[in-house]
Amino acid sequence: PDGLVVTGDLARLKGHKGDYQNLRKLLTPVAEQCPIHLATGNHDNRENFLNAFTQSSGRDWVVDGKRIVTVKTGQVMLIILDSLLFVDLPWGKLGRGQLAWLKTYLNALDDIPTILCLHHPIKGRGALLDGERLLKLIRPIPKVKAVVHGHSHEFAFRETDGIHVISLPA
């Protein structure tokens, strides 16, 4: 592959330090071949994750203690958001700071097609608590072409107001 994005649940249940050490070992052969970008999920512990993965393969931003990664790859911009709210509880949240950062970043970005990647779905079971705020923010921005998320443990595709929403299986 040209690259890999993992949309969270990098660890099992509680995000222990050893989980991330093991993940690093498992990803090493892939990382030697292509860039890897990681998002935290509800089974991740942000502190343990950030201690194990101190740098990403993209540009790192920290907003309200959450790491966002931006990556320009070919003719597409990837923005990997942090939707982790509580370890081992199903709900997610981007938060006001991350949403404000996203609005500013998207408005400053040229018209390159942009894909948002995060763990929690915008709507549905275990969704973002601020999913409607995210939709309201990205609806009027035509360069945002898709939102890719995990968490639901099934592949699904739908379109909302011209934005593709892609759910990835576990």
N, C-alpha and C. Protein backbone atom coordinates (compact mmCIF):
# COMPACT_ATOMS: atom_id res chain seq x y z
N PRO A 1 0.82 -1.21 0.00
CA PRO A 1 0.00 0.00 0.00
C PRO A 1 0.86 1.27 0.00
N ASP A 2 0.28 2.38 -0.42
CA ASP A 2 0.97 3.66 -0.37
C ASP A 2 1.01 4.22 1.04
N GLY A 3 0.12 3.75 1.89
CA GLY A 3 0.05 4.21 3.26
C GLY A 3 -1.05 3.48 4.00
N LEU A 4 -1.10 3.67 5.30
CA LEU A 4 -2.07 2.99 6.14
C LEU A 4 -2.61 3.96 7.17
N VAL A 5 -3.92 3.99 7.34
CA VAL A 5 -4.56 4.74 8.40
C VAL A 5 -5.34 3.74 9.25
N VAL A 6 -5.10 3.73 10.55
CA VAL A 6 -5.85 2.89 11.47
C VAL A 6 -6.71 3.83 12.30
N THR A 7 -8.04 3.62 12.23
CA THR A 7 -8.97 4.55 12.87
C THR A 7 -9.33 4.13 14.29
N GLY A 8 -8.34 3.80 15.06
CA GLY A 8 -8.55 3.62 16.49
C GLY A 8 -8.74 2.19 16.95
N ASP A 9 -8.87 2.09 18.27
CA ASP A 9 -8.82 0.82 18.98
C ASP A 9 -7.52 0.12 18.66
N LEU A 10 -6.44 0.83 18.96
CA LEU A 10 -5.09 0.32 18.73
C LEU A 10 -4.70 -0.67 19.80
N ALA A 11 -5.44 -0.67 20.91
CA ALA A 11 -5.18 -1.55 22.04
C ALA A 11 -6.46 -2.31 22.37
N ARG A 12 -6.32 -3.28 23.25
CA ARG A 12 -7.47 -4.07 23.67
C ARG A 12 -7.98 -3.54 25.01
N LEU A 13 -9.19 -3.11 25.05
CA LEU A 13 -9.94 -2.69 26.23
C LEU A 13 -9.44 -1.42 26.92
N LYS A 14 -8.27 -1.44 27.55
CA LYS A 14 -7.87 -0.32 28.42
C LYS A 14 -6.63 0.44 27.96
N GLY A 15 -5.98 0.01 26.90
CA GLY A 15 -4.82 0.74 26.39
C GLY A 15 -3.61 0.71 27.30
N HIS A 16 -3.21 -0.48 27.74
CA HIS A 16 -2.03 -0.62 28.59
C HIS A 16 -0.76 -0.36 27.78
N LYS A 17 0.31 0.02 28.47
CA LYS A 17 1.58 0.33 27.80
C LYS A 17 2.05 -0.81 26.90
N GLY A 18 1.93 -2.02 27.39
CA GLY A 18 2.37 -3.19 26.62
C GLY A 18 1.60 -3.38 25.32
N ASP A 19 0.34 -2.94 25.31
CA ASP A 19 -0.45 -3.02 24.07
C ASP A 19 0.21 -2.23 22.96
N TYR A 20 0.70 -1.05 23.28
CA TYR A 20 1.30 -0.19 22.26
C TYR A 20 2.70 -0.65 21.88
N GLN A 21 3.42 -1.26 22.83
CA GLN A 21 4.72 -1.85 22.49
C GLN A 21 4.52 -3.00 21.50
N ASN A 22 3.49 -3.80 21.75
CA ASN A 22 3.17 -4.91 20.86
C ASN A 22 2.72 -4.39 19.49
N LEU A 23 1.90 -3.36 19.48
CA LEU A 23 1.44 -2.77 18.23
C LEU A 23 2.62 -2.25 17.41
N ARG A 24 3.55 -1.60 18.07
CA ARG A 24 4.73 -1.09 17.36
C ARG A 24 5.48 -2.24 16.68
N LYS A 25 5.65 -3.36 17.39
CA LYS A 25 6.33 -4.52 16.80
C LYS A 25 5.56 -5.05 15.59
N LEU A 26 4.23 -5.12 15.72
CA LEU A 26 3.41 -5.64 14.63
C LEU A 26 3.43 -4.73 13.41
N LEU A 27 3.50 -3.42 13.64
CA LEU A 27 3.46 -2.47 12.53
C LEU A 27 4.82 -2.21 11.89
N THR A 28 5.90 -2.61 12.54
CA THR A 28 7.24 -2.31 12.03
C THR A 28 7.45 -2.76 10.59
N PRO A 29 7.08 -3.98 10.20
CA PRO A 29 7.31 -4.37 8.80
C PRO A 29 6.54 -3.48 7.81
N VAL A 30 5.35 -3.06 8.17
CA VAL A 30 4.57 -2.18 7.29
C VAL A 30 5.19 -0.78 7.28
N ALA A 31 5.60 -0.30 8.46
CA ALA A 31 6.17 1.05 8.58
C ALA A 31 7.47 1.19 7.79
N GLU A 32 8.17 0.09 7.58
CA GLU A 32 9.38 0.13 6.76
C GLU A 32 9.06 0.29 5.28
N GLN A 33 7.82 0.02 4.90
CA GLN A 33 7.41 0.08 3.50
C GLN A 33 6.58 1.32 3.15
N CYS A 34 5.85 1.85 4.13
CA CYS A 34 4.96 2.98 3.84
C CYS A 34 4.61 3.71 5.14
N PRO A 35 4.13 4.94 5.02
CA PRO A 35 3.75 5.68 6.23
C PRO A 35 2.48 5.11 6.87
N ILE A 36 2.45 5.19 8.19
CA ILE A 36 1.31 4.72 8.97
C ILE A 36 0.80 5.88 9.81
N HIS A 37 -0.52 6.04 9.82
CA HIS A 37 -1.16 7.12 10.58
C HIS A 37 -2.18 6.49 11.52
N LEU A 38 -2.14 6.88 12.79
CA LEU A 38 -2.96 6.24 13.81
C LEU A 38 -3.88 7.24 14.50
N ALA A 39 -5.12 6.82 14.73
CA ALA A 39 -6.09 7.60 15.50
C ALA A 39 -6.46 6.81 16.75
N THR A 40 -6.73 7.50 17.82
CA THR A 40 -7.14 6.81 19.04
C THR A 40 -8.63 6.47 18.98
N GLY A 41 -8.96 5.34 19.61
CA GLY A 41 -10.34 4.88 19.73
C GLY A 41 -10.73 4.77 21.19
N ASN A 42 -11.91 4.30 21.44
CA ASN A 42 -12.41 4.26 22.81
C ASN A 42 -11.74 3.19 23.68
N HIS A 43 -10.95 2.31 23.10
CA HIS A 43 -10.20 1.34 23.91
C HIS A 43 -8.74 1.75 24.08
N ASP A 44 -8.43 2.97 23.69
CA ASP A 44 -7.06 3.47 23.79
C ASP A 44 -6.90 4.38 25.00
N ASN A 45 -5.69 4.40 25.50
CA ASN A 45 -5.29 5.32 26.57
C ASN A 45 -4.37 6.34 25.90
N ARG A 46 -4.83 7.58 25.81
CA ARG A 46 -4.09 8.60 25.06
C ARG A 46 -2.66 8.76 25.57
N GLU A 47 -2.47 8.83 26.88
CA GLU A 47 -1.13 9.03 27.44
C GLU A 47 -0.20 7.88 27.05
N ASN A 48 -0.66 6.64 27.22
CA ASN A 48 0.18 5.50 26.85
C ASN A 48 0.45 5.46 25.35
N PHE A 49 -0.56 5.79 24.55
CA PHE A 49 -0.38 5.84 23.10
C PHE A 49 0.67 6.89 22.72
N LEU A 50 0.52 8.10 23.25
CA LEU A 50 1.45 9.18 22.89
C LEU A 50 2.87 8.91 23.38
N ASN A 51 3.01 8.19 24.49
CA ASN A 51 4.35 7.82 24.96
C ASN A 51 5.00 6.79 24.03
N ALA A 52 4.19 5.91 23.46
CA ALA A 52 4.73 4.87 22.58
C ALA A 52 4.94 5.37 21.16
N PHE A 53 4.07 6.27 20.71
CA PHE A 53 4.14 6.80 19.35
C PHE A 53 4.32 8.31 19.45
N THR A 54 5.56 8.72 19.71
CA THR A 54 5.84 10.13 19.99
C THR A 54 5.72 11.01 18.76
N GLN A 55 5.91 10.45 17.58
CA GLN A 55 5.78 11.22 16.34
C GLN A 55 4.98 10.41 15.34
N SER A 56 4.25 11.12 14.52
CA SER A 56 3.51 10.45 13.46
C SER A 56 4.28 10.59 12.15
N SER A 57 3.71 10.04 11.10
CA SER A 57 4.31 10.17 9.77
C SER A 57 3.80 11.40 9.04
N GLY A 58 3.03 12.23 9.73
CA GLY A 58 2.51 13.46 9.14
C GLY A 58 2.90 14.64 9.99
N ARG A 59 2.15 15.72 9.87
CA ARG A 59 2.37 16.89 10.72
C ARG A 59 1.46 16.79 11.93
N ASP A 60 2.05 16.88 13.11
CA ASP A 60 1.30 16.76 14.36
C ASP A 60 0.86 18.12 14.88
N TRP A 61 -0.36 18.16 15.39
CA TRP A 61 -0.91 19.33 16.05
C TRP A 61 -1.47 18.85 17.39
N VAL A 62 -1.36 19.64 18.41
CA VAL A 62 -1.96 19.30 19.71
C VAL A 62 -2.97 20.39 20.05
N VAL A 63 -4.21 19.96 20.26
CA VAL A 63 -5.29 20.87 20.61
C VAL A 63 -6.01 20.29 21.82
N ASP A 64 -6.01 21.03 22.90
CA ASP A 64 -6.66 20.59 24.15
C ASP A 64 -6.20 19.19 24.56
N GLY A 65 -4.92 18.91 24.39
CA GLY A 65 -4.35 17.63 24.79
C GLY A 65 -4.57 16.50 23.81
N LYS A 66 -5.25 16.77 22.70
CA LYS A 66 -5.51 15.74 21.70
C LYS A 66 -4.60 15.96 20.50
N ARG A 67 -4.05 14.86 19.96
CA ARG A 67 -3.16 14.97 18.79
C ARG A 67 -3.97 14.80 17.51
N ILE A 68 -3.79 15.76 16.63
CA ILE A 68 -4.36 15.73 15.29
C ILE A 68 -3.18 15.56 14.34
N VAL A 69 -3.38 14.80 13.28
CA VAL A 69 -2.33 14.60 12.29
C VAL A 69 -2.86 15.02 10.93
N THR A 70 -2.08 15.81 10.21
CA THR A 70 -2.44 16.16 8.83
C THR A 70 -1.38 15.59 7.90
N VAL A 71 -1.85 15.06 6.77
CA VAL A 71 -0.96 14.42 5.81
C VAL A 71 -1.44 14.74 4.41
N LYS A 72 -0.56 15.32 3.62
CA LYS A 72 -0.87 15.48 2.20
C LYS A 72 -0.25 14.30 1.49
N THR A 73 -1.09 13.53 0.84
CA THR A 73 -0.63 12.34 0.13
C THR A 73 -1.20 12.37 -1.28
N GLY A 74 -0.33 12.53 -2.24
CA GLY A 74 -0.78 12.67 -3.62
C GLY A 74 -1.64 13.92 -3.75
N GLN A 75 -2.83 13.75 -4.26
CA GLN A 75 -3.74 14.88 -4.45
C GLN A 75 -4.83 14.93 -3.39
N VAL A 76 -4.57 14.37 -2.21
CA VAL A 76 -5.56 14.31 -1.14
C VAL A 76 -4.93 14.76 0.17
N MET A 77 -5.70 15.47 0.99
CA MET A 77 -5.29 15.82 2.34
C MET A 77 -6.05 14.92 3.31
N LEU A 78 -5.31 14.27 4.19
CA LEU A 78 -5.92 13.47 5.26
C LEU A 78 -5.80 14.26 6.56
N ILE A 79 -6.88 14.30 7.32
CA ILE A 79 -6.86 14.90 8.65
C ILE A 79 -7.33 13.82 9.61
N ILE A 80 -6.41 13.38 10.48
CA ILE A 80 -6.72 12.34 11.46
C ILE A 80 -7.04 13.03 12.78
N LEU A 81 -8.30 12.91 13.19
CA LEU A 81 -8.80 13.58 14.40
C LEU A 81 -8.82 12.63 15.58
N ASP A 82 -8.86 13.18 16.77
CA ASP A 82 -8.86 12.41 18.01
C ASP A 82 -10.25 12.52 18.65
N SER A 83 -11.02 11.43 18.57
CA SER A 83 -12.37 11.44 19.13
C SER A 83 -12.47 10.72 20.47
N LEU A 84 -11.34 10.31 21.04
CA LEU A 84 -11.35 9.62 22.33
C LEU A 84 -11.87 10.54 23.42
N LEU A 85 -12.88 10.06 24.16
CA LEU A 85 -13.43 10.80 25.29
C LEU A 85 -13.08 10.09 26.59
N PHE A 86 -13.50 8.83 26.74
CA PHE A 86 -13.22 8.02 27.92
C PHE A 86 -12.69 6.66 27.49
N VAL A 87 -11.68 6.15 28.19
CA VAL A 87 -11.15 4.83 27.91
C VAL A 87 -12.21 3.78 28.25
N ASP A 88 -12.47 2.90 27.30
CA ASP A 88 -13.36 1.75 27.45
C ASP A 88 -14.83 2.10 27.64
N LEU A 89 -15.23 3.30 27.26
CA LEU A 89 -16.65 3.65 27.17
C LEU A 89 -16.94 4.00 25.72
N PRO A 90 -18.15 3.77 25.23
CA PRO A 90 -18.38 3.83 23.78
C PRO A 90 -18.43 5.21 23.14
N TRP A 91 -18.73 6.26 23.86
CA TRP A 91 -18.96 7.56 23.23
C TRP A 91 -17.67 8.27 22.89
N GLY A 92 -17.75 9.12 21.90
CA GLY A 92 -16.60 9.93 21.52
C GLY A 92 -16.97 11.39 21.45
N LYS A 93 -15.96 12.24 21.41
CA LYS A 93 -16.19 13.67 21.30
C LYS A 93 -14.93 14.33 20.76
N LEU A 94 -15.12 15.24 19.81
CA LEU A 94 -14.00 16.02 19.31
C LEU A 94 -13.71 17.18 20.24
N GLY A 95 -14.74 17.86 20.69
CA GLY A 95 -14.57 18.99 21.60
C GLY A 95 -14.49 20.31 20.85
N ARG A 96 -14.81 21.37 21.55
CA ARG A 96 -14.84 22.70 20.93
C ARG A 96 -13.49 23.12 20.36
N GLY A 97 -12.42 22.85 21.09
CA GLY A 97 -11.09 23.25 20.62
C GLY A 97 -10.71 22.58 19.31
N GLN A 98 -10.94 21.28 19.22
CA GLN A 98 -10.58 20.55 18.01
C GLN A 98 -11.48 20.98 16.83
N LEU A 99 -12.76 21.22 17.10
CA LEU A 99 -13.66 21.69 16.04
C LEU A 99 -13.27 23.08 15.56
N ALA A 100 -12.89 23.96 16.49
CA ALA A 100 -12.44 25.31 16.10
C ALA A 100 -11.16 25.22 15.28
N TRP A 101 -10.23 24.37 15.70
CA TRP A 101 -9.00 24.17 14.95
C TRP A 101 -9.32 23.68 13.53
N LEU A 102 -10.23 22.69 13.44
CA LEU A 102 -10.60 22.12 12.15
C LEU A 102 -11.19 23.18 11.23
N LYS A 103 -12.06 24.00 11.75
CA LYS A 103 -12.67 25.06 10.94
C LYS A 103 -11.59 26.01 10.40
N THR A 104 -10.70 26.45 11.28
CA THR A 104 -9.62 27.35 10.87
C THR A 104 -8.72 26.68 9.84
N TYR A 105 -8.35 25.44 10.08
CA TYR A 105 -7.45 24.71 9.18
C TYR A 105 -8.09 24.52 7.80
N LEU A 106 -9.35 24.09 7.78
CA LEU A 106 -10.04 23.87 6.51
C LEU A 106 -10.18 25.17 5.72
N ASN A 107 -10.47 26.26 6.42
CA ASN A 107 -10.62 27.55 5.73
C ASN A 107 -9.29 28.06 5.16
N ALA A 108 -8.18 27.70 5.79
CA ALA A 108 -6.86 28.14 5.31
C ALA A 108 -6.30 27.22 4.22
N LEU A 109 -6.84 26.03 4.13
CA LEU A 109 -6.36 25.03 3.18
C LEU A 109 -6.82 25.39 1.77
N ASP A 110 -5.99 25.05 0.78
CA ASP A 110 -6.44 25.26 -0.60
C ASP A 110 -7.58 24.28 -0.90
N ASP A 111 -7.96 24.15 -2.15
CA ASP A 111 -9.12 23.33 -2.50
C ASP A 111 -8.82 21.85 -2.70
N ILE A 112 -7.73 21.37 -2.14
CA ILE A 112 -7.38 19.96 -2.24
C ILE A 112 -8.48 19.10 -1.60
N PRO A 113 -8.91 18.01 -2.26
CA PRO A 113 -9.90 17.12 -1.66
C PRO A 113 -9.40 16.62 -0.31
N THR A 114 -10.28 16.65 0.68
CA THR A 114 -9.89 16.35 2.06
C THR A 114 -10.75 15.23 2.62
N ILE A 115 -10.09 14.32 3.33
CA ILE A 115 -10.76 13.20 3.99
C ILE A 115 -10.47 13.30 5.48
N LEU A 116 -11.52 13.27 6.29
CA LEU A 116 -11.38 13.25 7.74
C LEU A 116 -11.40 11.80 8.21
N CYS A 117 -10.47 11.44 9.08
CA CYS A 117 -10.40 10.09 9.64
C CYS A 117 -10.49 10.19 11.15
N LEU A 118 -11.33 9.39 11.75
CA LEU A 118 -11.48 9.37 13.20
C LEU A 118 -12.09 8.05 13.61
N HIS A 119 -12.19 7.81 14.89
CA HIS A 119 -12.69 6.53 15.35
C HIS A 119 -14.22 6.46 15.40
N HIS A 120 -14.85 7.43 16.00
CA HIS A 120 -16.28 7.37 16.26
C HIS A 120 -17.12 7.85 15.08
N PRO A 121 -18.27 7.21 14.85
CA PRO A 121 -19.16 7.67 13.78
C PRO A 121 -19.82 9.00 14.14
N ILE A 122 -20.28 9.69 13.11
CA ILE A 122 -20.95 10.97 13.32
C ILE A 122 -22.32 10.75 13.97
N LYS A 123 -23.00 9.70 13.54
CA LYS A 123 -24.33 9.39 14.06
C LYS A 123 -24.41 7.91 14.39
N GLY A 124 -25.39 7.54 15.20
CA GLY A 124 -25.63 6.13 15.48
C GLY A 124 -25.10 5.71 16.83
N ARG A 125 -25.04 4.39 17.00
CA ARG A 125 -24.61 3.80 18.27
C ARG A 125 -23.16 4.15 18.58
N GLY A 126 -22.89 4.65 19.77
CA GLY A 126 -21.53 4.99 20.17
C GLY A 126 -20.95 6.15 19.38
N ALA A 127 -21.81 7.03 18.90
CA ALA A 127 -21.38 8.11 18.02
C ALA A 127 -20.72 9.25 18.79
N LEU A 128 -20.23 10.21 18.02
CA LEU A 128 -19.70 11.44 18.59
C LEU A 128 -20.81 12.20 19.30
N LEU A 129 -20.54 12.67 20.47
CA LEU A 129 -21.51 13.50 21.18
C LEU A 129 -21.68 14.84 20.47
N ASP A 130 -20.68 15.25 19.72
CA ASP A 130 -20.75 16.50 18.96
C ASP A 130 -20.73 16.25 17.45
N GLY A 131 -21.30 15.12 17.04
CA GLY A 131 -21.35 14.77 15.63
C GLY A 131 -22.12 15.77 14.77
N GLU A 132 -23.23 16.27 15.30
CA GLU A 132 -24.00 17.26 14.55
C GLU A 132 -23.21 18.55 14.36
N ARG A 133 -22.42 18.93 15.36
CA ARG A 133 -21.56 20.12 15.22
C ARG A 133 -20.51 19.90 14.14
N LEU A 134 -19.96 18.68 14.06
CA LEU A 134 -19.00 18.37 13.01
C LEU A 134 -19.66 18.47 11.64
N LEU A 135 -20.84 17.87 11.49
CA LEU A 135 -21.55 17.95 10.21
C LEU A 135 -21.86 19.38 9.83
N LYS A 136 -22.32 20.16 10.79
CA LYS A 136 -22.64 21.56 10.52
C LYS A 136 -21.40 22.32 10.03
N LEU A 137 -20.25 21.97 10.60
CA LEU A 137 -19.00 22.63 10.21
C LEU A 137 -18.57 22.25 8.80
N ILE A 138 -18.66 20.95 8.43
CA ILE A 138 -18.10 20.51 7.16
C ILE A 138 -19.08 20.55 5.99
N ARG A 139 -20.37 20.59 6.25
CA ARG A 139 -21.36 20.62 5.15
C ARG A 139 -21.08 21.71 4.11
N PRO A 140 -20.82 22.94 4.52
CA PRO A 140 -20.62 24.00 3.52
C PRO A 140 -19.22 24.05 2.90
N ILE A 141 -18.36 23.09 3.23
CA ILE A 141 -16.99 23.12 2.73
C ILE A 141 -16.83 22.01 1.69
N PRO A 142 -16.92 22.36 0.40
CA PRO A 142 -16.93 21.33 -0.65
C PRO A 142 -15.66 20.49 -0.74
N LYS A 143 -14.54 20.99 -0.23
CA LYS A 143 -13.30 20.20 -0.33
C LYS A 143 -13.33 18.97 0.59
N VAL A 144 -14.20 18.97 1.62
CA VAL A 144 -14.33 17.79 2.48
C VAL A 144 -15.17 16.77 1.73
N LYS A 145 -14.52 15.72 1.28
CA LYS A 145 -15.17 14.72 0.43
C LYS A 145 -15.66 13.51 1.21
N ALA A 146 -15.00 13.19 2.34
CA ALA A 146 -15.37 11.97 3.05
C ALA A 146 -14.98 12.05 4.51
N VAL A 147 -15.72 11.27 5.31
CA VAL A 147 -15.39 11.02 6.70
C VAL A 147 -15.27 9.50 6.82
N VAL A 148 -14.11 9.03 7.28
CA VAL A 148 -13.85 7.61 7.46
C VAL A 148 -13.75 7.35 8.96
N HIS A 149 -14.51 6.36 9.43
CA HIS A 149 -14.48 6.05 10.87
C HIS A 149 -14.48 4.55 11.10
N GLY A 150 -14.13 4.18 12.30
CA GLY A 150 -14.18 2.78 12.75
C GLY A 150 -15.34 2.60 13.70
N HIS A 151 -15.09 1.93 14.80
CA HIS A 151 -15.99 1.80 15.95
C HIS A 151 -17.21 0.91 15.72
N SER A 152 -17.81 0.93 14.56
CA SER A 152 -19.07 0.20 14.36
C SER A 152 -18.86 -1.29 14.05
N HIS A 153 -17.64 -1.69 13.77
CA HIS A 153 -17.29 -3.08 13.50
C HIS A 153 -17.95 -3.66 12.25
N GLU A 154 -18.32 -2.78 11.31
CA GLU A 154 -18.89 -3.26 10.06
C GLU A 154 -18.57 -2.28 8.94
N PHE A 155 -18.49 -2.81 7.72
CA PHE A 155 -18.30 -1.93 6.59
C PHE A 155 -19.64 -1.36 6.18
N ALA A 156 -19.69 -0.06 5.98
CA ALA A 156 -20.90 0.59 5.51
C ALA A 156 -20.50 1.85 4.76
N PHE A 157 -21.36 2.25 3.84
CA PHE A 157 -21.12 3.46 3.07
C PHE A 157 -22.45 4.18 2.94
N ARG A 158 -22.42 5.48 3.18
CA ARG A 158 -23.60 6.30 2.94
C ARG A 158 -23.12 7.69 2.54
N GLU A 159 -24.04 8.48 2.08
CA GLU A 159 -23.72 9.84 1.71
C GLU A 159 -24.65 10.78 2.46
N THR A 160 -24.07 11.81 3.05
CA THR A 160 -24.82 12.82 3.78
C THR A 160 -24.44 14.18 3.23
N ASP A 161 -25.39 14.86 2.61
CA ASP A 161 -25.15 16.20 2.07
C ASP A 161 -23.90 16.27 1.19
N GLY A 162 -23.69 15.24 0.37
CA GLY A 162 -22.55 15.24 -0.54
C GLY A 162 -21.25 14.77 0.09
N ILE A 163 -21.28 14.41 1.37
CA ILE A 163 -20.09 13.92 2.06
C ILE A 163 -20.21 12.40 2.20
N HIS A 164 -19.24 11.68 1.70
CA HIS A 164 -19.23 10.23 1.84
C HIS A 164 -18.86 9.88 3.28
N VAL A 165 -19.61 8.98 3.88
CA VAL A 165 -19.32 8.50 5.23
C VAL A 165 -19.05 7.01 5.11
N ILE A 166 -17.82 6.63 5.46
CA ILE A 166 -17.37 5.26 5.29
C ILE A 166 -17.03 4.68 6.65
N SER A 167 -17.69 3.57 6.97
CA SER A 167 -17.46 2.87 8.22
C SER A 167 -16.61 1.64 7.93
N LEU A 168 -15.51 1.52 8.66
CA LEU A 168 -14.60 0.41 8.46
C LEU A 168 -14.82 -0.67 9.52
N PRO A 169 -14.70 -1.94 9.13
CA PRO A 169 -14.84 -3.01 10.11
C PRO A 169 -13.64 -3.09 11.05
N ALA A 170 -13.79 -3.84 12.11
CA ALA A 170 -12.70 -4.02 13.07
C ALA A 170 -11.56 -4.77 12.39
